């Protein structure tokens, strides 16, 4: 049974950092493309960052490029999102998602409709 459990959210000050974790079970993260997405109240579900199964490439939305880093620990079967220089506009619920098997392009990895499973999310609030 595929499960994704996010953790690490919380309250951070502007300019601060948080590291989100996505613990996977029922499959091996190194075999699938994985992404993080977020949703703020009243706003659409927004793709944030993705990583290929083999880890050869990572991708970021323009709004987080240079501030967020996606990574994967195969031994722990976990995907991370390191978030630095946080801004109030980063406030949202963050979700990790598992792509289906098969080839994933640099374009399709950015589409939230690609993913076959999302976790329950973890809340991130950036405020002074």
Protein backbone atom coordinates (compact mmCIF):
# COMPACT_ATOMS: atom_id res chain seq x y z
CA UNK A 1 0.00 0.00 0.00
CA UNK A 2 1.48 3.31 -1.11
CA UNK A 3 1.71 5.88 1.66
CA UNK A 4 3.31 9.32 1.82
CA UNK A 5 3.63 11.03 5.19
CA UNK A 6 4.85 14.61 5.32
CA UNK A 7 6.33 16.26 8.40
CA UNK A 8 8.52 19.18 9.40
CA UNK A 9 6.12 22.05 8.87
CA UNK A 10 5.52 24.76 11.42
CA UNK A 11 5.88 28.45 12.08
CA UNK A 12 8.94 30.26 10.75
CA UNK A 13 9.92 33.90 10.63
CA UNK A 14 10.59 35.63 7.32
CA UNK A 15 14.13 34.79 6.31
CA UNK A 16 14.06 31.59 8.33
CA UNK A 17 14.35 27.96 7.31
CA UNK A 18 12.42 24.72 7.57
CA UNK A 19 13.08 21.22 6.29
CA UNK A 20 10.13 19.14 5.20
CA UNK A 21 10.29 15.35 5.07
CA UNK A 22 8.18 12.90 3.08
CA UNK A 23 8.44 9.35 4.36
CA UNK A 24 7.34 6.85 1.74
CA UNK A 25 6.17 3.27 2.16
CA UNK A 26 4.85 0.65 -0.20
CA UNK A 27 7.29 1.64 -2.94
CA UNK A 28 10.89 2.77 -3.43
CA UNK A 29 11.34 6.52 -3.96
CA UNK A 30 14.47 5.96 -6.05
CA UNK A 31 12.32 4.26 -8.69
CA UNK A 32 9.89 7.14 -9.27
CA UNK A 33 9.86 10.85 -9.89
CA UNK A 34 8.72 12.70 -6.78
CA UNK A 35 7.59 16.27 -6.27
CA UNK A 36 6.50 18.79 -3.68
CA UNK A 37 3.48 21.01 -4.24
CA UNK A 38 1.63 23.50 -2.06
CA UNK A 39 -1.74 25.10 -1.62
CA UNK A 40 -2.48 28.35 0.14
CA UNK A 41 -6.04 29.30 1.15
CA UNK A 42 -8.01 30.50 -1.86
CA UNK A 43 -5.21 29.67 -4.29
CA UNK A 44 -4.72 26.79 -6.72
CA UNK A 45 -2.58 23.75 -6.05
CA UNK A 46 0.91 24.80 -7.11
CA UNK A 47 3.84 22.58 -8.09
CA UNK A 48 7.01 23.59 -6.21
CA UNK A 49 9.85 21.17 -6.94
CA UNK A 50 10.56 17.76 -8.42
CA UNK A 51 13.29 15.14 -8.58
CA UNK A 52 13.75 12.24 -10.96
CA UNK A 53 13.88 8.73 -9.57
CA UNK A 54 17.55 8.38 -10.41
CA UNK A 55 18.20 11.81 -8.88
CA UNK A 56 19.95 13.03 -12.01
CA UNK A 57 17.99 16.25 -12.19
CA UNK A 58 15.98 18.51 -9.93
CA UNK A 59 13.47 21.16 -10.92
CA UNK A 60 12.01 24.20 -9.20
CA UNK A 61 9.23 26.69 -9.69
CA UNK A 62 10.55 30.17 -10.38
CA UNK A 63 9.03 31.37 -7.12
CA UNK A 64 11.30 29.12 -5.03
CA UNK A 65 14.40 28.72 -7.21
CA UNK A 66 17.56 29.52 -5.31
CA UNK A 67 15.79 29.21 -1.94
CA UNK A 68 14.44 25.64 -1.84
CA UNK A 69 16.34 22.39 -2.38
CA UNK A 70 14.78 18.98 -3.02
CA UNK A 71 16.73 15.85 -2.15
CA UNK A 72 16.26 12.17 -1.47
CA UNK A 73 17.69 9.65 1.02
CA UNK A 74 17.31 6.23 -0.53
CA UNK A 75 18.31 4.41 2.65
CA UNK A 76 15.48 6.11 4.52
CA UNK A 77 13.11 6.05 1.53
CA UNK A 78 12.43 9.71 2.21
CA UNK A 79 12.27 12.87 0.13
CA UNK A 80 13.13 16.25 1.62
CA UNK A 81 12.48 19.89 0.85
CA UNK A 82 14.94 22.29 2.45
CA UNK A 83 13.37 25.74 2.50
CA UNK A 84 15.58 28.75 3.17
CA UNK A 85 14.97 32.49 3.04
CA UNK A 86 11.31 31.89 3.67
CA UNK A 87 8.80 34.56 2.72
CA UNK A 88 5.24 35.16 3.95
CA UNK A 89 4.02 34.14 0.50
CA UNK A 90 5.46 30.65 1.11
CA UNK A 91 2.71 30.10 3.67
CA UNK A 92 0.74 27.07 2.50
CA UNK A 93 0.10 23.41 3.11
CA UNK A 94 2.87 21.40 1.48
CA UNK A 95 2.35 17.99 -0.08
CA UNK A 96 4.64 15.39 -1.60
CA UNK A 97 3.57 13.37 -4.57
CA UNK A 98 4.54 10.16 -6.35
CA UNK A 99 4.61 10.04 -10.13
CA UNK A 100 3.41 6.96 -12.03
CA UNK A 101 5.94 4.64 -13.63
CA UNK A 102 7.21 5.46 -17.08
CA UNK A 103 9.17 8.28 -18.68
CA UNK A 104 8.79 11.70 -17.10
CA UNK A 105 9.97 14.79 -18.90
CA UNK A 106 11.18 18.11 -17.56
CA UNK A 107 7.79 19.50 -18.61
CA UNK A 108 5.49 16.82 -17.24
CA UNK A 109 7.25 16.65 -13.87
CA UNK A 110 5.85 20.16 -13.26
CA UNK A 111 2.23 19.14 -13.77
CA UNK A 112 0.35 18.40 -10.54
CA UNK A 113 -2.13 16.27 -12.50
CA UNK A 114 0.68 13.84 -13.35
CA UNK A 115 0.95 12.44 -9.84
CA UNK A 116 -0.94 9.35 -8.81
CA UNK A 117 -0.68 9.89 -5.07
CA UNK A 118 -0.30 12.85 -2.73
CA UNK A 119 0.22 12.77 1.01
CA UNK A 120 -1.91 14.55 3.61
CA UNK A 121 0.40 17.52 3.76
CA UNK A 122 2.16 19.58 6.40
CA UNK A 123 1.37 23.22 7.19
CA UNK A 124 4.02 25.89 6.77
CA UNK A 125 3.33 29.37 8.12
CA UNK A 126 5.80 32.20 7.60
CA UNK A 127 5.06 35.19 9.79
CA UNK A 128 6.76 37.59 12.16
